[in-house]
Amino acid sequence: MKIYKISSCDRFAVITPNYIGAMKKLSNPWELLDAVEQNKSLKDLWVEHEGIVEKKKKPLADICKASTGQLVFSELTVKKIDKELSVYGEFLPMTYKERRYWLMNIQNSIPADGGNSISDRSDKDWFDKITFKEKDIQNQLLWTTPLDHNTQIFCSQRFIDLIEESGFKGLKFEESLAAT
């Protein structure tokens, strides 16, 4: 079984949550960042807010990878595929220029094994050495791993097919490793 690492396509602008703006609306602002860092549910801490766009001169993506183990979906995208993906995380509302977007906070974290320490690796070497057990990912579409603090997002071919069949643009899939 092939495993793919997800990133945002360079041809599109990336929409990310404005955590600083959201924190200003909370009574305990650091609780939100702690939950993000620890890959916990955000639904009880979430405050709808205006997202931030990087590379503003590029067209907006239908779906993009936020800076952590999260994806951002346009409203049309989430309406078409949220039933298949809702078991993998929570969808949280945000806006950009008065349009609704949804942050998918991926809560499907699967253990992996790595072959070297963080201090002496390059990202390429690191991802060449992460392995998942096939039995753990066999029926999965989308997941992160606590081995890298749930920052990277991995997927199966079934997830890629779902995105491509729907015609959504904005993600890039890099074949990174095979399951053991």
N, C-alpha and C. Protein backbone atom coordinates (compact mmCIF):
# COMPACT_ATOMS: atom_id res chain seq x y z
N MET A 1 0.84 -1.18 0.00
CA MET A 1 0.00 0.00 0.00
C MET A 1 0.88 1.24 0.00
N LYS A 2 0.63 2.15 -0.93
CA LYS A 2 1.40 3.39 -1.00
C LYS A 2 0.81 4.43 -0.05
N ILE A 3 1.70 5.24 0.49
CA ILE A 3 1.32 6.32 1.40
C ILE A 3 1.80 7.63 0.78
N TYR A 4 0.97 8.66 0.90
CA TYR A 4 1.30 9.96 0.33
C TYR A 4 1.32 11.02 1.42
N LYS A 5 2.21 11.98 1.27
CA LYS A 5 2.27 13.13 2.15
C LYS A 5 1.56 14.28 1.43
N ILE A 6 0.73 15.01 2.15
CA ILE A 6 -0.06 16.10 1.58
C ILE A 6 0.61 17.44 1.85
N SER A 7 0.65 18.28 0.82
CA SER A 7 1.08 19.66 0.98
C SER A 7 0.22 20.52 0.06
N SER A 8 0.35 21.82 0.20
CA SER A 8 -0.41 22.73 -0.66
C SER A 8 0.32 22.92 -1.98
N CYS A 9 -0.44 23.03 -3.04
CA CYS A 9 0.11 23.26 -4.37
C CYS A 9 0.58 24.71 -4.48
N ASP A 10 1.75 24.93 -5.02
CA ASP A 10 2.34 26.27 -5.12
C ASP A 10 1.57 27.22 -6.04
N ARG A 11 0.69 26.69 -6.87
CA ARG A 11 -0.05 27.54 -7.80
C ARG A 11 -1.21 28.29 -7.14
N PHE A 12 -1.52 27.95 -5.88
CA PHE A 12 -2.67 28.53 -5.20
C PHE A 12 -2.28 29.22 -3.91
N ALA A 13 -3.10 30.18 -3.51
CA ALA A 13 -2.94 30.84 -2.22
C ALA A 13 -3.35 29.88 -1.11
N VAL A 14 -2.71 29.99 0.03
CA VAL A 14 -2.99 29.13 1.17
C VAL A 14 -3.73 29.94 2.23
N ILE A 15 -4.87 29.43 2.66
CA ILE A 15 -5.65 30.08 3.72
C ILE A 15 -5.31 29.37 5.02
N THR A 16 -4.95 30.15 6.05
CA THR A 16 -4.64 29.56 7.35
C THR A 16 -5.45 30.26 8.44
N PRO A 17 -5.66 29.58 9.55
CA PRO A 17 -6.35 30.24 10.67
C PRO A 17 -5.50 31.38 11.22
N ASN A 18 -6.15 32.38 11.74
CA ASN A 18 -5.47 33.48 12.42
C ASN A 18 -5.56 33.19 13.92
N TYR A 19 -4.66 32.36 14.41
CA TYR A 19 -4.73 31.95 15.80
C TYR A 19 -4.59 33.13 16.76
N ILE A 20 -3.77 34.12 16.41
CA ILE A 20 -3.61 35.29 17.29
C ILE A 20 -4.93 36.04 17.39
N GLY A 21 -5.60 36.25 16.26
CA GLY A 21 -6.90 36.91 16.26
C GLY A 21 -7.93 36.13 17.05
N ALA A 22 -7.95 34.82 16.90
CA ALA A 22 -8.90 33.97 17.63
C ALA A 22 -8.59 33.98 19.12
N MET A 23 -7.30 33.97 19.48
CA MET A 23 -6.92 33.97 20.89
C MET A 23 -7.39 35.22 21.61
N LYS A 24 -7.42 36.35 20.90
CA LYS A 24 -7.84 37.62 21.51
C LYS A 24 -9.31 37.59 21.92
N LYS A 25 -10.08 36.68 21.37
CA LYS A 25 -11.51 36.57 21.67
C LYS A 25 -11.79 35.59 22.81
N LEU A 26 -10.77 34.93 23.33
CA LEU A 26 -10.96 33.90 24.37
C LEU A 26 -10.55 34.40 25.75
N SER A 27 -11.21 33.87 26.78
CA SER A 27 -10.85 34.24 28.15
C SER A 27 -9.49 33.65 28.55
N ASN A 28 -9.17 32.46 28.05
CA ASN A 28 -7.88 31.84 28.30
C ASN A 28 -7.22 31.57 26.94
N PRO A 29 -6.59 32.61 26.36
CA PRO A 29 -6.11 32.49 24.98
C PRO A 29 -5.09 31.38 24.73
N TRP A 30 -4.24 31.08 25.69
CA TRP A 30 -3.19 30.09 25.46
C TRP A 30 -3.74 28.68 25.40
N GLU A 31 -4.95 28.49 25.90
CA GLU A 31 -5.57 27.17 25.85
C GLU A 31 -5.76 26.70 24.40
N LEU A 32 -6.07 27.63 23.50
CA LEU A 32 -6.24 27.28 22.08
C LEU A 32 -4.91 26.81 21.48
N LEU A 33 -3.85 27.55 21.69
CA LEU A 33 -2.55 27.14 21.13
C LEU A 33 -2.06 25.83 21.74
N ASP A 34 -2.30 25.64 23.03
CA ASP A 34 -1.93 24.37 23.66
C ASP A 34 -2.68 23.21 23.01
N ALA A 35 -3.97 23.40 22.75
CA ALA A 35 -4.78 22.34 22.12
C ALA A 35 -4.28 22.04 20.71
N VAL A 36 -3.93 23.08 19.94
CA VAL A 36 -3.39 22.88 18.59
C VAL A 36 -2.09 22.10 18.68
N GLU A 37 -1.20 22.53 19.56
CA GLU A 37 0.11 21.88 19.71
C GLU A 37 -0.01 20.42 20.14
N GLN A 38 -1.01 20.12 20.96
CA GLN A 38 -1.18 18.75 21.47
C GLN A 38 -2.16 17.92 20.64
N ASN A 39 -2.60 18.46 19.51
CA ASN A 39 -3.53 17.78 18.60
C ASN A 39 -4.81 17.34 19.31
N LYS A 40 -5.35 18.24 20.11
CA LYS A 40 -6.61 17.98 20.81
C LYS A 40 -7.76 18.59 20.02
N SER A 41 -8.96 18.22 20.42
CA SER A 41 -10.14 18.81 19.82
C SER A 41 -10.16 20.32 20.08
N LEU A 42 -10.58 21.08 19.08
CA LEU A 42 -10.66 22.53 19.21
C LEU A 42 -12.10 23.05 19.29
N LYS A 43 -13.07 22.15 19.11
CA LYS A 43 -14.45 22.61 18.95
C LYS A 43 -14.96 23.43 20.14
N ASP A 44 -14.57 23.12 21.36
CA ASP A 44 -15.04 23.88 22.52
C ASP A 44 -14.28 25.19 22.72
N LEU A 45 -13.17 25.35 22.04
CA LEU A 45 -12.35 26.57 22.16
C LEU A 45 -12.47 27.46 20.93
N TRP A 46 -13.06 26.95 19.88
CA TRP A 46 -13.03 27.62 18.59
C TRP A 46 -13.93 28.86 18.57
N VAL A 47 -13.40 29.92 18.00
CA VAL A 47 -14.14 31.14 17.77
C VAL A 47 -14.01 31.43 16.27
N GLU A 48 -15.14 31.58 15.59
CA GLU A 48 -15.06 31.87 14.16
C GLU A 48 -14.33 33.19 13.98
N HIS A 49 -13.44 33.23 13.00
CA HIS A 49 -12.62 34.42 12.77
C HIS A 49 -12.21 34.51 11.30
N GLU A 50 -11.61 35.63 10.95
CA GLU A 50 -11.12 35.87 9.59
C GLU A 50 -9.75 35.20 9.43
N GLY A 51 -9.64 34.33 8.45
CA GLY A 51 -8.38 33.65 8.18
C GLY A 51 -7.36 34.57 7.54
N ILE A 52 -6.18 34.06 7.37
CA ILE A 52 -5.06 34.78 6.76
C ILE A 52 -4.73 34.08 5.45
N VAL A 53 -4.39 34.86 4.43
CA VAL A 53 -4.01 34.28 3.15
C VAL A 53 -2.57 34.62 2.84
N GLU A 54 -1.82 33.57 2.53
CA GLU A 54 -0.45 33.73 2.05
C GLU A 54 -0.49 33.78 0.53
N LYS A 55 0.45 34.46 -0.08
CA LYS A 55 0.54 34.54 -1.54
C LYS A 55 -0.76 35.08 -2.15
N LYS A 56 -1.14 36.26 -1.73
CA LYS A 56 -2.43 36.85 -2.10
C LYS A 56 -2.64 37.03 -3.60
N LYS A 57 -1.60 37.06 -4.37
CA LYS A 57 -1.75 37.28 -5.82
C LYS A 57 -2.12 36.01 -6.56
N LYS A 58 -2.19 34.91 -5.87
CA LYS A 58 -2.53 33.64 -6.49
C LYS A 58 -4.01 33.35 -6.26
N PRO A 59 -4.62 32.50 -7.09
CA PRO A 59 -6.04 32.16 -6.87
C PRO A 59 -6.19 31.33 -5.59
N LEU A 60 -7.35 31.46 -4.96
CA LEU A 60 -7.63 30.69 -3.74
C LEU A 60 -7.87 29.23 -4.10
N ALA A 61 -7.37 28.36 -3.27
CA ALA A 61 -7.53 26.92 -3.46
C ALA A 61 -8.91 26.48 -2.98
N ASP A 62 -9.40 25.37 -3.53
CA ASP A 62 -10.61 24.74 -3.00
C ASP A 62 -10.31 24.08 -1.66
N ILE A 63 -9.09 23.58 -1.55
CA ILE A 63 -8.63 22.88 -0.35
C ILE A 63 -7.12 23.08 -0.25
N CYS A 64 -6.63 23.36 0.96
CA CYS A 64 -5.19 23.57 1.14
C CYS A 64 -4.78 23.05 2.52
N LYS A 65 -3.48 22.87 2.69
CA LYS A 65 -2.95 22.43 3.98
C LYS A 65 -2.57 23.66 4.78
N ALA A 66 -3.10 23.75 5.99
CA ALA A 66 -2.71 24.82 6.89
C ALA A 66 -1.32 24.50 7.44
N SER A 67 -0.81 25.35 8.30
CA SER A 67 0.58 25.19 8.75
C SER A 67 0.81 23.96 9.62
N THR A 68 -0.21 23.43 10.24
CA THR A 68 -0.06 22.24 11.08
C THR A 68 -0.82 21.09 10.44
N GLY A 69 -1.17 20.08 11.19
CA GLY A 69 -1.89 18.93 10.66
C GLY A 69 -3.36 19.23 10.43
N GLN A 70 -3.61 20.26 9.66
CA GLN A 70 -4.98 20.70 9.39
C GLN A 70 -5.13 21.04 7.91
N LEU A 71 -6.35 20.88 7.42
CA LEU A 71 -6.68 21.26 6.06
C LEU A 71 -7.74 22.35 6.11
N VAL A 72 -7.77 23.21 5.08
CA VAL A 72 -8.79 24.24 4.97
C VAL A 72 -9.57 23.98 3.70
N PHE A 73 -10.89 23.93 3.82
CA PHE A 73 -11.80 23.63 2.72
C PHE A 73 -12.68 24.83 2.41
N SER A 74 -12.94 25.07 1.12
CA SER A 74 -13.96 26.05 0.76
C SER A 74 -15.31 25.47 1.15
N GLU A 75 -16.32 26.31 1.20
CA GLU A 75 -17.65 25.83 1.60
C GLU A 75 -18.18 24.78 0.62
N LEU A 76 -17.98 24.99 -0.68
CA LEU A 76 -18.43 24.02 -1.68
C LEU A 76 -17.74 22.68 -1.48
N THR A 77 -16.45 22.71 -1.23
CA THR A 77 -15.69 21.48 -1.04
C THR A 77 -16.21 20.69 0.15
N VAL A 78 -16.40 21.37 1.26
CA VAL A 78 -16.83 20.67 2.47
C VAL A 78 -18.23 20.09 2.30
N LYS A 79 -19.09 20.77 1.57
CA LYS A 79 -20.44 20.25 1.34
C LYS A 79 -20.41 18.95 0.54
N LYS A 80 -19.47 18.82 -0.37
CA LYS A 80 -19.41 17.64 -1.22
C LYS A 80 -18.74 16.43 -0.59
N ILE A 81 -17.77 16.66 0.30
CA ILE A 81 -17.01 15.50 0.79
C ILE A 81 -16.95 15.38 2.31
N ASP A 82 -17.69 16.20 3.05
CA ASP A 82 -17.59 16.12 4.51
C ASP A 82 -18.09 14.79 5.08
N LYS A 83 -19.04 14.14 4.41
CA LYS A 83 -19.53 12.85 4.93
C LYS A 83 -18.42 11.81 4.96
N GLU A 84 -17.58 11.79 3.94
CA GLU A 84 -16.48 10.82 3.90
C GLU A 84 -15.37 11.18 4.89
N LEU A 85 -15.22 12.47 5.20
CA LEU A 85 -14.08 12.91 6.01
C LEU A 85 -14.40 13.20 7.47
N SER A 86 -15.67 13.35 7.81
CA SER A 86 -16.02 13.79 9.17
C SER A 86 -15.55 12.82 10.26
N VAL A 87 -15.35 11.55 9.94
CA VAL A 87 -14.86 10.60 10.93
C VAL A 87 -13.37 10.80 11.25
N TYR A 88 -12.67 11.60 10.45
CA TYR A 88 -11.24 11.80 10.62
C TYR A 88 -10.88 13.07 11.39
N GLY A 89 -11.87 13.89 11.71
CA GLY A 89 -11.58 15.12 12.44
C GLY A 89 -12.82 15.98 12.57
N GLU A 90 -12.59 17.20 12.97
CA GLU A 90 -13.69 18.14 13.19
C GLU A 90 -13.57 19.31 12.21
N PHE A 91 -14.72 19.80 11.75
CA PHE A 91 -14.76 20.94 10.85
C PHE A 91 -15.15 22.18 11.63
N LEU A 92 -14.31 23.21 11.55
CA LEU A 92 -14.50 24.44 12.32
C LEU A 92 -14.62 25.63 11.36
N PRO A 93 -15.64 26.49 11.54
CA PRO A 93 -15.87 27.57 10.59
C PRO A 93 -14.87 28.72 10.73
N MET A 94 -14.54 29.31 9.61
CA MET A 94 -13.76 30.54 9.55
C MET A 94 -14.16 31.27 8.27
N THR A 95 -13.75 32.49 8.12
CA THR A 95 -14.10 33.27 6.94
C THR A 95 -12.84 33.85 6.31
N TYR A 96 -12.99 34.25 5.08
CA TYR A 96 -11.99 35.07 4.40
C TYR A 96 -12.75 35.93 3.41
N LYS A 97 -12.64 37.24 3.58
CA LYS A 97 -13.35 38.20 2.74
C LYS A 97 -14.83 37.84 2.61
N GLU A 98 -15.46 37.61 3.76
CA GLU A 98 -16.89 37.33 3.88
C GLU A 98 -17.33 36.01 3.25
N ARG A 99 -16.39 35.15 2.90
CA ARG A 99 -16.73 33.82 2.39
C ARG A 99 -16.41 32.80 3.46
N ARG A 100 -17.24 31.79 3.57
CA ARG A 100 -17.09 30.76 4.59
C ARG A 100 -16.08 29.70 4.13
N TYR A 101 -15.19 29.35 5.04
CA TYR A 101 -14.24 28.25 4.87
C TYR A 101 -14.32 27.38 6.10
N TRP A 102 -13.77 26.18 6.01
CA TRP A 102 -13.81 25.24 7.11
C TRP A 102 -12.41 24.69 7.37
N LEU A 103 -11.97 24.82 8.60
CA LEU A 103 -10.72 24.22 9.03
C LEU A 103 -11.02 22.80 9.47
N MET A 104 -10.34 21.84 8.88
CA MET A 104 -10.48 20.46 9.33
C MET A 104 -9.32 20.15 10.25
N ASN A 105 -9.62 20.02 11.53
CA ASN A 105 -8.64 19.67 12.54
C ASN A 105 -8.59 18.14 12.59
N ILE A 106 -7.58 17.56 11.98
CA ILE A 106 -7.49 16.11 11.85
C ILE A 106 -7.20 15.48 13.21
N GLN A 107 -8.05 14.58 13.63
CA GLN A 107 -7.94 13.92 14.92
C GLN A 107 -7.59 12.44 14.78
N ASN A 108 -7.28 12.01 13.58
CA ASN A 108 -6.93 10.62 13.31
C ASN A 108 -5.41 10.50 13.32
N SER A 109 -4.86 10.22 14.48
CA SER A 109 -3.41 10.14 14.66
C SER A 109 -3.01 8.68 14.81
N ILE A 110 -2.12 8.23 13.93
CA ILE A 110 -1.73 6.82 13.88
C ILE A 110 -0.24 6.69 14.21
N PRO A 111 0.11 5.81 15.14
CA PRO A 111 1.52 5.63 15.49
C PRO A 111 2.36 5.19 14.28
N ALA A 112 3.60 5.64 14.29
CA ALA A 112 4.55 5.27 13.24
C ALA A 112 5.90 5.02 13.88
N ASP A 113 6.78 4.42 13.13
CA ASP A 113 8.16 4.20 13.57
C ASP A 113 9.06 5.08 12.73
N GLY A 114 10.10 5.63 13.36
CA GLY A 114 11.08 6.45 12.63
C GLY A 114 12.46 5.88 12.80
N GLY A 115 13.35 6.23 11.86
CA GLY A 115 14.67 5.63 11.87
C GLY A 115 15.79 6.51 12.37
N ASN A 116 15.52 7.77 12.73
CA ASN A 116 16.59 8.62 13.25
C ASN A 116 16.01 9.69 14.16
N SER A 117 16.89 10.44 14.82
CA SER A 117 16.42 11.45 15.75
C SER A 117 16.12 12.75 15.01
N ILE A 118 15.32 13.59 15.62
CA ILE A 118 14.93 14.86 15.01
C ILE A 118 16.14 15.77 14.83
N SER A 119 17.09 15.73 15.75
CA SER A 119 18.21 16.67 15.71
C SER A 119 19.18 16.44 14.55
N ASP A 120 19.23 15.23 14.00
CA ASP A 120 20.21 14.99 12.93
C ASP A 120 19.55 14.53 11.63
N ARG A 121 18.43 15.13 11.28
CA ARG A 121 17.74 14.70 10.08
C ARG A 121 17.37 15.88 9.19
N SER A 122 17.21 15.59 7.92
CA SER A 122 16.55 16.54 7.02
C SER A 122 15.13 16.01 6.84
N ASP A 123 14.20 16.86 6.43
CA ASP A 123 12.82 16.40 6.25
C ASP A 123 12.74 15.26 5.25
N LYS A 124 13.54 15.32 4.18
CA LYS A 124 13.50 14.25 3.20
C LYS A 124 13.91 12.92 3.84
N ASP A 125 15.03 12.94 4.58
CA ASP A 125 15.47 11.72 5.25
C ASP A 125 14.43 11.23 6.25
N TRP A 126 13.85 12.15 6.98
CA TRP A 126 12.87 11.80 8.01
C TRP A 126 11.70 11.05 7.41
N PHE A 127 11.14 11.59 6.33
CA PHE A 127 9.96 10.96 5.76
C PHE A 127 10.29 9.70 4.98
N ASP A 128 11.51 9.54 4.58
CA ASP A 128 11.91 8.28 3.98
C ASP A 128 12.00 7.18 5.04
N LYS A 129 12.11 7.58 6.30
CA LYS A 129 12.31 6.61 7.36
C LYS A 129 11.09 6.41 8.25
N ILE A 130 10.02 7.16 8.05
CA ILE A 130 8.79 6.91 8.80
C ILE A 130 8.09 5.72 8.17
N THR A 131 7.67 4.79 9.00
CA THR A 131 6.90 3.65 8.49
C THR A 131 5.64 3.46 9.32
N PHE A 132 4.59 3.08 8.64
CA PHE A 132 3.32 2.75 9.28
C PHE A 132 3.07 1.27 9.06
N LYS A 133 2.41 0.65 10.00
CA LYS A 133 2.02 -0.74 9.82
C LYS A 133 0.78 -0.76 8.94
N GLU A 134 0.81 -1.60 7.93
CA GLU A 134 -0.30 -1.66 6.99
C GLU A 134 -1.63 -1.93 7.68
N LYS A 135 -1.64 -2.74 8.69
CA LYS A 135 -2.90 -3.05 9.39
C LYS A 135 -3.48 -1.79 10.07
N ASP A 136 -2.62 -0.83 10.45
CA ASP A 136 -3.09 0.39 11.10
C ASP A 136 -3.70 1.39 10.13
N ILE A 137 -3.27 1.35 8.87
CA ILE A 137 -3.74 2.36 7.90
C ILE A 137 -4.59 1.78 6.78
N GLN A 138 -4.84 0.50 6.84
CA GLN A 138 -5.49 -0.21 5.74
C GLN A 138 -6.79 0.44 5.26
N ASN A 139 -7.65 0.87 6.13
CA ASN A 139 -8.93 1.44 5.73
C ASN A 139 -9.00 2.95 5.96
N GLN A 140 -7.86 3.59 6.07
CA GLN A 140 -7.82 5.02 6.37
C GLN A 140 -7.75 5.86 5.09
N LEU A 141 -8.32 7.05 5.17
CA LEU A 141 -8.18 8.02 4.08
C LEU A 141 -7.12 9.07 4.42
N LEU A 142 -7.10 9.48 5.67
CA LEU A 142 -6.36 10.67 6.07
C LEU A 142 -5.89 10.49 7.51
N TRP A 143 -4.61 10.85 7.81
CA TRP A 143 -4.11 10.73 9.17
C TRP A 143 -2.86 11.55 9.37
N THR A 144 -2.54 11.73 10.65
CA THR A 144 -1.28 12.33 11.07
C THR A 144 -0.58 11.30 11.95
N THR A 145 0.58 11.65 12.48
CA THR A 145 1.27 10.74 13.39
C THR A 145 1.88 11.52 14.55
N PRO A 146 1.81 10.97 15.76
CA PRO A 146 2.45 11.64 16.89
C PRO A 146 3.97 11.66 16.77
N LEU A 147 4.54 10.84 15.90
CA LEU A 147 5.99 10.80 15.73
C LEU A 147 6.55 12.15 15.31
N ASP A 148 5.77 12.92 14.52
CA ASP A 148 6.22 14.27 14.13
C ASP A 148 5.31 15.34 14.74
N HIS A 149 4.71 15.03 15.86
CA HIS A 149 3.81 15.94 16.59
C HIS A 149 2.58 16.30 15.76
N ASN A 150 2.15 15.38 14.92
CA ASN A 150 0.92 15.52 14.12
C ASN A 150 0.93 16.76 13.21
N THR A 151 2.10 17.11 12.69
CA THR A 151 2.17 18.28 11.82
C THR A 151 1.99 17.94 10.34
N GLN A 152 2.50 16.80 9.91
CA GLN A 152 2.35 16.40 8.51
C GLN A 152 1.06 15.60 8.37
N ILE A 153 0.50 15.63 7.17
CA ILE A 153 -0.73 14.89 6.90
C ILE A 153 -0.40 13.83 5.85
N PHE A 154 -0.84 12.62 6.11
CA PHE A 154 -0.64 11.50 5.20
C PHE A 154 -2.00 11.03 4.69
N CYS A 155 -1.99 10.40 3.52
CA CYS A 155 -3.25 9.90 2.97
C CYS A 155 -3.01 8.66 2.12
N SER A 156 -4.12 8.02 1.79
CA SER A 156 -4.09 6.86 0.91
C SER A 156 -4.50 7.29 -0.50
N GLN A 157 -4.36 6.39 -1.43
CA GLN A 157 -4.80 6.65 -2.81
C GLN A 157 -6.30 6.94 -2.86
N ARG A 158 -7.06 6.33 -1.97
CA ARG A 158 -8.52 6.57 -1.94
C ARG A 158 -8.83 8.04 -1.67
N PHE A 159 -8.06 8.71 -0.81
CA PHE A 159 -8.27 10.14 -0.55
C PHE A 159 -7.95 10.94 -1.81
N ILE A 160 -6.85 10.62 -2.45
CA ILE A 160 -6.46 11.32 -3.69
C ILE A 160 -7.56 11.16 -4.73
N ASP A 161 -8.07 9.95 -4.90
CA ASP A 161 -9.15 9.70 -5.86
C ASP A 161 -10.39 10.54 -5.53
N LEU A 162 -10.74 10.64 -4.26
CA LEU A 162 -11.89 11.43 -3.83
C LEU A 162 -11.73 12.89 -4.22
N ILE A 163 -10.56 13.45 -3.99
CA ILE A 163 -10.28 14.85 -4.33
C ILE A 163 -10.28 15.04 -5.84
N GLU A 164 -9.60 14.17 -6.57
CA GLU A 164 -9.51 14.32 -8.03
C GLU A 164 -10.86 14.10 -8.71
N GLU A 165 -11.65 13.13 -8.25
CA GLU A 165 -12.97 12.89 -8.84
C GLU A 165 -13.90 14.08 -8.62
N SER A 166 -13.72 14.78 -7.51
CA SER A 166 -14.54 15.95 -7.21
C SER A 166 -14.06 17.19 -7.97
N GLY A 167 -12.86 17.13 -8.52
CA GLY A 167 -12.32 18.26 -9.29
C GLY A 167 -11.76 19.39 -8.44
N PHE A 168 -11.48 19.12 -7.17
CA PHE A 168 -10.98 20.16 -6.28
C PHE A 168 -9.49 20.39 -6.48
N LYS A 169 -9.10 21.66 -6.43
CA LYS A 169 -7.71 22.05 -6.66
C LYS A 169 -7.10 22.64 -5.40
N GLY A 170 -5.79 22.44 -5.26
CA GLY A 170 -5.07 23.10 -4.19
C GLY A 170 -4.11 22.21 -3.42
N LEU A 171 -4.25 20.90 -3.54
CA LEU A 171 -3.35 20.01 -2.81
C LEU A 171 -2.35 19.35 -3.76
N LYS A 172 -1.23 18.98 -3.16
CA LYS A 172 -0.19 18.25 -3.87
C LYS A 172 0.07 16.98 -3.07
N PHE A 173 0.23 15.87 -3.77
CA PHE A 173 0.43 14.58 -3.11
C PHE A 173 1.79 14.04 -3.49
N GLU A 174 2.61 13.82 -2.51
CA GLU A 174 3.97 13.31 -2.75
C GLU A 174 4.05 11.88 -2.22
N GLU A 175 4.32 10.95 -3.14
CA GLU A 175 4.47 9.57 -2.71
C GLU A 175 5.69 9.53 -1.79
N SER A 176 5.47 9.12 -0.56
CA SER A 176 6.59 9.22 0.37
C SER A 176 7.09 7.89 0.89
N LEU A 177 6.24 6.94 1.07
CA LEU A 177 6.70 5.68 1.64
C LEU A 177 5.66 4.59 1.43
N ALA A 178 6.05 3.40 1.72
CA ALA A 178 5.13 2.26 1.64
C ALA A 178 4.93 1.71 3.04
N ALA A 179 3.78 1.12 3.27
CA ALA A 179 3.50 0.52 4.58
C ALA A 179 4.28 -0.78 4.73
N THR A 180 4.54 -1.12 5.98
CA THR A 180 5.24 -2.37 6.26
C THR A 180 4.28 -3.41 6.83
